[in-house]
Amino acid sequence: MKQEQANRRRLLYGVMLAVLIWGSVLSLGAFLFGTGPDGLVTFAPSVTRGAIVFSCVAFFVGGWALLVRQQRTP
């Protein structure tokens, strides 16, 4: 039973890490590319766009981690 619980925890942390990596890639794309005056996607770096996307992903994963930690604590 202990091994099964450890496997579940490892899987959960793996999924959380995957979501964080996925969000980081999305924020990199939001940072590097934007819309030009003609409405088409173009190379237009913007720290603000990247920071907004990354902060939303970090807030989500951080809240998830807190909920998981709170659930483990008796």
PDB file of N, CA and C in Angstrom:
ATOM      1  N   MET A   1       0.818  -1.192   0.000  1.00  0.00           N
ATOM      2  CA  MET A   1       0.000   0.000   0.000  1.00  0.00           C
ATOM      3  C   MET A   1       0.863   1.257   0.000  1.00  0.00           C
ATOM      4  N   LYS A   2       1.953   1.227   0.729  1.00  0.00           N
ATOM      5  CA  LYS A   2       2.848   2.387   0.806  1.00  0.00           C
ATOM      6  C   LYS A   2       3.469   2.688  -0.571  1.00  0.00           C
ATOM      7  N   GLN A   3       3.827   1.629  -1.301  1.00  0.00           N
ATOM      8  CA  GLN A   3       4.430   1.803  -2.624  1.00  0.00           C
ATOM      9  C   GLN A   3       3.422   2.408  -3.605  1.00  0.00           C
ATOM     10  N   GLU A   4       2.170   1.997  -3.507  1.00  0.00           N
ATOM     11  CA  GLU A   4       1.136   2.537  -4.384  1.00  0.00           C
ATOM     12  C   GLU A   4       0.925   4.028  -4.131  1.00  0.00           C
ATOM     13  N   GLN A   5       0.961   4.429  -2.876  1.00  0.00           N
ATOM     14  CA  GLN A   5       0.808   5.841  -2.534  1.00  0.00           C
ATOM     15  C   GLN A   5       2.005   6.653  -3.042  1.00  0.00           C
ATOM     16  N   ALA A   6       3.202   6.090  -2.939  1.00  0.00           N
ATOM     17  CA  ALA A   6       4.390   6.781  -3.447  1.00  0.00           C
ATOM     18  C   ALA A   6       4.322   6.925  -4.964  1.00  0.00           C
ATOM     19  N   ASN A   7       3.811   5.917  -5.653  1.00  0.00           N
ATOM     20  CA  ASN A   7       3.669   5.994  -7.108  1.00  0.00           C
ATOM     21  C   ASN A   7       2.647   7.056  -7.508  1.00  0.00           C
ATOM     22  N   ARG A   8       1.563   7.152  -6.765  1.00  0.00           N
ATOM     23  CA  ARG A   8       0.559   8.184  -7.047  1.00  0.00           C
ATOM     24  C   ARG A   8       1.134   9.583  -6.849  1.00  0.00           C
ATOM     25  N   ARG A   9       1.897   9.754  -5.771  1.00  0.00           N
ATOM     26  CA  ARG A   9       2.500  11.055  -5.502  1.00  0.00           C
ATOM     27  C   ARG A   9       3.502  11.424  -6.598  1.00  0.00           C
ATOM     28  N   ARG A  10       4.291  10.448  -7.032  1.00  0.00           N
ATOM     29  CA  ARG A  10       5.273  10.697  -8.093  1.00  0.00           C
ATOM     30  C   ARG A  10       4.561  11.075  -9.394  1.00  0.00           C
ATOM     31  N   LEU A  11       3.462  10.394  -9.700  1.00  0.00           N
ATOM     32  CA  LEU A  11       2.695  10.721 -10.896  1.00  0.00           C
ATOM     33  C   LEU A  11       2.106  12.130 -10.805  1.00  0.00           C
ATOM     34  N   LEU A  12       1.580  12.485  -9.648  1.00  0.00           N
ATOM     35  CA  LEU A  12       1.011  13.814  -9.460  1.00  0.00           C
ATOM     36  C   LEU A  12       2.069  14.895  -9.648  1.00  0.00           C
ATOM     37  N   TYR A  13       3.240  14.696  -9.044  1.00  0.00           N
ATOM     38  CA  TYR A  13       4.313  15.678  -9.208  1.00  0.00           C
ATOM     39  C   TYR A  13       4.800  15.737 -10.651  1.00  0.00           C
ATOM     40  N   GLY A  14       4.785  14.614 -11.337  1.00  0.00           N
ATOM     41  CA  GLY A  14       5.154  14.602 -12.754  1.00  0.00           C
ATOM     42  C   GLY A  14       4.184  15.406 -13.595  1.00  0.00           C
ATOM     43  N   VAL A  15       2.892  15.265 -13.307  1.00  0.00           N
ATOM     44  CA  VAL A  15       1.880  16.029 -14.050  1.00  0.00           C
ATOM     45  C   VAL A  15       2.025  17.521 -13.746  1.00  0.00           C
ATOM     46  N   MET A  16       2.280  17.846 -12.485  1.00  0.00           N
ATOM     47  CA  MET A  16       2.465  19.258 -12.121  1.00  0.00           C
ATOM     48  C   MET A  16       3.688  19.844 -12.833  1.00  0.00           C
ATOM     49  N   LEU A  17       4.762  19.084 -12.906  1.00  0.00           N
ATOM     50  CA  LEU A  17       5.958  19.544 -13.613  1.00  0.00           C
ATOM     51  C   LEU A  17       5.672  19.711 -15.102  1.00  0.00           C
ATOM     52  N   ALA A  18       4.919  18.785 -15.695  1.00  0.00           N
ATOM     53  CA  ALA A  18       4.570  18.892 -17.110  1.00  0.00           C
ATOM     54  C   ALA A  18       3.736  20.143 -17.381  1.00  0.00           C
ATOM     55  N   VAL A  19       2.800  20.451 -16.492  1.00  0.00           N
ATOM     56  CA  VAL A  19       1.978  21.663 -16.661  1.00  0.00           C
ATOM     57  C   VAL A  19       2.859  22.911 -16.558  1.00  0.00           C
ATOM     58  N   LEU A  20       3.805  22.891 -15.633  1.00  0.00           N
ATOM     59  CA  LEU A  20       4.706  24.032 -15.485  1.00  0.00           C
ATOM     60  C   LEU A  20       5.589  24.216 -16.721  1.00  0.00           C
ATOM     61  N   ILE A  21       6.099  23.133 -17.272  1.00  0.00           N
ATOM     62  CA  ILE A  21       6.921  23.217 -18.490  1.00  0.00           C
ATOM     63  C   ILE A  21       6.071  23.693 -19.667  1.00  0.00           C
ATOM     64  N   TRP A  22       4.868  23.144 -19.786  1.00  0.00           N
ATOM     65  CA  TRP A  22       3.968  23.556 -20.861  1.00  0.00           C
ATOM     66  C   TRP A  22       3.653  25.051 -20.760  1.00  0.00           C
ATOM     67  N   GLY A  23       3.377  25.523 -19.555  1.00  0.00           N
ATOM     68  CA  GLY A  23       3.099  26.946 -19.356  1.00  0.00           C
ATOM     69  C   GLY A  23       4.308  27.818 -19.646  1.00  0.00           C
ATOM     70  N   SER A  24       5.492  27.298 -19.349  1.00  0.00           N
ATOM     71  CA  SER A  24       6.710  28.052 -19.650  1.00  0.00           C
ATOM     72  C   SER A  24       6.904  28.201 -21.157  1.00  0.00           C
ATOM     73  N   VAL A  25       6.615  27.142 -21.892  1.00  0.00           N
ATOM     74  CA  VAL A  25       6.713  27.216 -23.354  1.00  0.00           C
ATOM     75  C   VAL A  25       5.675  28.186 -23.903  1.00  0.00           C
ATOM     76  N   LEU A  26       4.474  28.146 -23.357  1.00  0.00           N
ATOM     77  CA  LEU A  26       3.451  29.099 -23.789  1.00  0.00           C
ATOM     78  C   LEU A  26       3.860  30.538 -23.494  1.00  0.00           C
ATOM     79  N   SER A  27       4.433  30.763 -22.319  1.00  0.00           N
ATOM     80  CA  SER A  27       4.838  32.134 -21.984  1.00  0.00           C
ATOM     81  C   SER A  27       6.000  32.591 -22.867  1.00  0.00           C
ATOM     82  N   LEU A  28       6.877  31.672 -23.238  1.00  0.00           N
ATOM     83  CA  LEU A  28       7.955  32.029 -24.166  1.00  0.00           C
ATOM     84  C   LEU A  28       7.378  32.435 -25.517  1.00  0.00           C
ATOM     85  N   GLY A  29       6.379  31.691 -25.993  1.00  0.00           N
ATOM     86  CA  GLY A  29       5.730  32.046 -27.252  1.00  0.00           C
ATOM     87  C   GLY A  29       4.998  33.372 -27.160  1.00  0.00           C
ATOM     88  N   ALA A  30       4.347  33.616 -26.030  1.00  0.00           N
ATOM     89  CA  ALA A  30       3.654  34.897 -25.852  1.00  0.00           C
ATOM     90  C   ALA A  30       4.642  36.041 -25.766  1.00  0.00           C
ATOM     91  N   PHE A  31       5.816  35.775 -25.187  1.00  0.00           N
ATOM     92  CA  PHE A  31       6.852  36.803 -25.098  1.00  0.00           C
ATOM     93  C   PHE A  31       7.416  37.134 -26.473  1.00  0.00           C
ATOM     94  N   LEU A  32       7.694  36.113 -27.273  1.00  0.00           N
ATOM     95  CA  LEU A  32       8.385  36.333 -28.542  1.00  0.00           C
ATOM     96  C   LEU A  32       7.482  36.813 -29.678  1.00  0.00           C
ATOM     97  N   PHE A  33       6.243  36.345 -29.716  1.00  0.00           N
ATOM     98  CA  PHE A  33       5.391  36.629 -30.870  1.00  0.00           C
ATOM     99  C   PHE A  33       4.127  37.358 -30.459  1.00  0.00           C
ATOM    100  N   GLY A  34       3.686  38.235 -31.330  1.00  0.00           N
ATOM    101  CA  GLY A  34       2.454  38.997 -31.107  1.00  0.00           C
ATOM    102  C   GLY A  34       1.845  39.346 -32.447  1.00  0.00           C
ATOM    103  N   THR A  35       0.813  40.149 -32.419  1.00  0.00           N
ATOM    104  CA  THR A  35       0.166  40.551 -33.667  1.00  0.00           C
ATOM    105  C   THR A  35       0.703  41.894 -34.122  1.00  0.00           C
ATOM    106  N   GLY A  36       0.879  42.005 -35.404  1.00  0.00           N
ATOM    107  CA  GLY A  36       1.338  43.252 -35.995  1.00  0.00           C
ATOM    108  C   GLY A  36       0.165  44.152 -36.312  1.00  0.00           C
ATOM    109  N   PRO A  37       0.438  45.292 -36.941  1.00  0.00           N
ATOM    110  CA  PRO A  37      -0.636  46.238 -37.281  1.00  0.00           C
ATOM    111  C   PRO A  37      -1.656  45.646 -38.254  1.00  0.00           C
ATOM    112  N   ASP A  38      -1.222  44.651 -39.048  1.00  0.00           N
ATOM    113  CA  ASP A  38      -2.136  44.033 -40.005  1.00  0.00           C
ATOM    114  C   ASP A  38      -2.908  42.856 -39.401  1.00  0.00           C
ATOM    115  N   GLY A  39      -2.680  42.558 -38.127  1.00  0.00           N
ATOM    116  CA  GLY A  39      -3.394  41.486 -37.458  1.00  0.00           C
ATOM    117  C   GLY A  39      -2.759  40.117 -37.593  1.00  0.00           C
ATOM    118  N   LEU A  40      -1.637  40.025 -38.306  1.00  0.00           N
ATOM    119  CA  LEU A  40      -0.955  38.749 -38.476  1.00  0.00           C
ATOM    120  C   LEU A  40       0.084  38.555 -37.380  1.00  0.00           C
ATOM    121  N   VAL A  41       0.390  37.298 -37.092  1.00  0.00           N
ATOM    122  CA  VAL A  41       1.394  36.990 -36.075  1.00  0.00           C
ATOM    123  C   VAL A  41       2.770  37.367 -36.605  1.00  0.00           C
ATOM    124  N   THR A  42       3.514  38.083 -35.786  1.00  0.00           N
ATOM    125  CA  THR A  42       4.834  38.540 -36.179  1.00  0.00           C
ATOM    126  C   THR A  42       5.764  38.500 -34.976  1.00  0.00           C
ATOM    127  N   PHE A  43       7.063  38.608 -35.230  1.00  0.00           N
ATOM    128  CA  PHE A  43       8.051  38.642 -34.154  1.00  0.00           C
ATOM    129  C   PHE A  43       7.972  40.002 -33.480  1.00  0.00           C
ATOM    130  N   ALA A  44       7.463  40.010 -32.251  1.00  0.00           N
ATOM    131  CA  ALA A  44       7.303  41.259 -31.510  1.00  0.00           C
ATOM    132  C   ALA A  44       7.472  40.965 -30.028  1.00  0.00           C
ATOM    133  N   PRO A  45       8.709  40.892 -29.535  1.00  0.00           N
ATOM    134  CA  PRO A  45       8.927  40.555 -28.122  1.00  0.00           C
ATOM    135  C   PRO A  45       8.240  41.537 -27.171  1.00  0.00           C
ATOM    136  N   SER A  46       7.598  40.975 -26.155  1.00  0.00           N
ATOM    137  CA  SER A  46       6.936  41.787 -25.146  1.00  0.00           C
ATOM    138  C   SER A  46       7.044  41.069 -23.802  1.00  0.00           C
ATOM    139  N   VAL A  47       7.772  41.674 -22.883  1.00  0.00           N
ATOM    140  CA  VAL A  47       7.951  41.088 -21.554  1.00  0.00           C
ATOM    141  C   VAL A  47       6.618  41.004 -20.824  1.00  0.00           C
ATOM    142  N   THR A  48       5.771  41.966 -21.028  1.00  0.00           N
ATOM    143  CA  THR A  48       4.484  42.002 -20.334  1.00  0.00           C
ATOM    144  C   THR A  48       3.624  40.789 -20.677  1.00  0.00           C
ATOM    145  N   ARG A  49       3.502  40.480 -21.968  1.00  0.00           N
ATOM    146  CA  ARG A  49       2.696  39.319 -22.374  1.00  0.00           C
ATOM    147  C   ARG A  49       3.248  38.037 -21.779  1.00  0.00           C
ATOM    148  N   GLY A  50       4.551  37.851 -21.869  1.00  0.00           N
ATOM    149  CA  GLY A  50       5.164  36.647 -21.311  1.00  0.00           C
ATOM    150  C   GLY A  50       4.996  36.548 -19.807  1.00  0.00           C
ATOM    151  N   ALA A  51       5.130  37.665 -19.123  1.00  0.00           N
ATOM    152  CA  ALA A  51       4.997  37.672 -17.664  1.00  0.00           C
ATOM    153  C   ALA A  51       3.568  37.373 -17.236  1.00  0.00           C
ATOM    154  N   ILE A  52       2.597  37.872 -17.976  1.00  0.00           N
ATOM    155  CA  ILE A  52       1.196  37.606 -17.641  1.00  0.00           C
ATOM    156  C   ILE A  52       0.892  36.117 -17.773  1.00  0.00           C
ATOM    157  N   VAL A  53       1.317  35.518 -18.869  1.00  0.00           N
ATOM    158  CA  VAL A  53       1.056  34.089 -19.075  1.00  0.00           C
ATOM    159  C   VAL A  53       1.775  33.256 -18.022  1.00  0.00           C
ATOM    160  N   PHE A  54       3.057  33.560 -17.776  1.00  0.00           N
ATOM    161  CA  PHE A  54       3.816  32.769 -16.811  1.00  0.00           C
ATOM    162  C   PHE A  54       3.274  32.934 -15.394  1.00  0.00           C
ATOM    163  N   SER A  55       2.855  34.142 -15.041  1.00  0.00           N
ATOM    164  CA  SER A  55       2.316  34.340 -13.685  1.00  0.00           C
ATOM    165  C   SER A  55       1.003  33.593 -13.494  1.00  0.00           C
ATOM    166  N   CYS A  56       0.176  33.509 -14.530  1.00  0.00           N
ATOM    167  CA  CYS A  56      -1.067  32.734 -14.425  1.00  0.00           C
ATOM    168  C   CYS A  56      -0.771  31.253 -14.238  1.00  0.00           C
ATOM    169  N   VAL A  57       0.180  30.734 -14.993  1.00  0.00           N
ATOM    170  CA  VAL A  57       0.547  29.319 -14.856  1.00  0.00           C
ATOM    171  C   VAL A  57       1.172  29.066 -13.485  1.00  0.00           C
ATOM    172  N   ALA A  58       2.050  29.949 -13.045  1.00  0.00           N
ATOM    173  CA  ALA A  58       2.691  29.775 -11.733  1.00  0.00           C
ATOM    174  C   ALA A  58       1.667  29.865 -10.610  1.00  0.00           C
ATOM    175  N   PHE A  59       0.695  30.753 -10.724  1.00  0.00           N
ATOM    176  CA  PHE A  59      -0.367  30.868  -9.725  1.00  0.00           C
ATOM    177  C   PHE A  59      -1.188  29.585  -9.665  1.00  0.00           C
ATOM    178  N   PHE A  60      -1.520  29.033 -10.820  1.00  0.00           N
ATOM    179  CA  PHE A  60      -2.297  27.800 -10.876  1.00  0.00           C
ATOM    180  C   PHE A  60      -1.532  26.634 -10.257  1.00  0.00           C
ATOM    181  N   VAL A  61      -0.287  26.428 -10.679  1.00  0.00           N
ATOM    182  CA  VAL A  61       0.501  25.309 -10.166  1.00  0.00           C
ATOM    183  C   VAL A  61       0.819  25.512  -8.681  1.00  0.00           C
ATOM    184  N   GLY A  62       1.096  26.737  -8.261  1.00  0.00           N
ATOM    185  CA  GLY A  62       1.356  27.011  -6.851  1.00  0.00           C
ATOM    186  C   GLY A  62       0.146  26.733  -5.974  1.00  0.00           C
ATOM    187  N   GLY A  63      -1.024  27.146  -6.427  1.00  0.00           N
ATOM    188  CA  GLY A  63      -2.246  26.852  -5.690  1.00  0.00           C
ATOM    189  C   GLY A  63      -2.532  25.361  -5.622  1.00  0.00           C
ATOM    190  N   TRP A  64      -2.277  24.681  -6.723  1.00  0.00           N
ATOM    191  CA  TRP A  64      -2.453  23.232  -6.766  1.00  0.00           C
ATOM    192  C   TRP A  64      -1.510  22.557  -5.777  1.00  0.00           C
ATOM    193  N   ALA A  65      -0.255  23.001  -5.751  1.00  0.00           N
ATOM    194  CA  ALA A  65       0.728  22.422  -4.823  1.00  0.00           C
ATOM    195  C   ALA A  65       0.318  22.667  -3.373  1.00  0.00           C
ATOM    196  N   LEU A  66      -0.206  23.849  -3.077  1.00  0.00           N
ATOM    197  CA  LEU A  66      -0.667  24.128  -1.716  1.00  0.00           C
ATOM    198  C   LEU A  66      -1.841  23.240  -1.329  1.00  0.00           C
ATOM    199  N   LEU A  67      -2.757  23.023  -2.249  1.00  0.00           N
ATOM    200  CA  LEU A  67      -3.889  22.147  -1.964  1.00  0.00           C
ATOM    201  C   LEU A  67      -3.435  20.706  -1.731  1.00  0.00           C
ATOM    202  N   VAL A  68      -2.486  20.245  -2.518  1.00  0.00           N
ATOM    203  CA  VAL A  68      -1.973  18.886  -2.340  1.00  0.00           C
ATOM    204  C   VAL A  68      -1.252  18.773  -1.005  1.00  0.00           C
ATOM    205  N   ARG A  69      -0.482  19.761  -0.667  1.00  0.00           N
ATOM    206  CA  ARG A  69       0.244  19.743   0.603  1.00  0.00           C
ATOM    207  C   ARG A  69      -0.723  19.795   1.791  1.00  0.00           C
ATOM    208  N   GLN A  70      -1.761  20.607   1.673  1.00  0.00           N
ATOM    209  CA  GLN A  70      -2.749  20.721   2.744  1.00  0.00           C
ATOM    210  C   GLN A  70      -3.511  19.410   2.919  1.00  0.00           C
ATOM    211  N   GLN A  71      -3.761  18.706   1.840  1.00  0.00           N
ATOM    212  CA  GLN A  71      -4.474  17.451   1.898  1.00  0.00           C
ATOM    213  C   GLN A  71      -3.656  16.379   2.611  1.00  0.00           C
ATOM    214  N   ARG A  72      -2.331  16.411   2.448  1.00  0.00           N
ATOM    215  CA  ARG A  72      -1.460  15.430   3.092  1.00  0.00           C
ATOM    216  C   ARG A  72      -1.311  15.682   4.587  1.00  0.00           C
ATOM    217  N   THR A  73      -1.391  16.943   4.999  1.00  0.00           N
ATOM    218  CA  THR A  73      -1.201  17.291   6.409  1.00  0.00           C
ATOM    219  C   THR A  73      -2.465  16.935   7.189  1.00  0.00           C
ATOM    220  N   PRO A  74      -2.323  16.188   8.303  1.00  0.00           N
ATOM    221  CA  PRO A  74      -3.523  15.798   9.082  1.00  0.00           C
ATOM    222  C   PRO A  74      -4.145  16.960   9.824  1.00  0.00           C
TER     223      PRO A  74
END
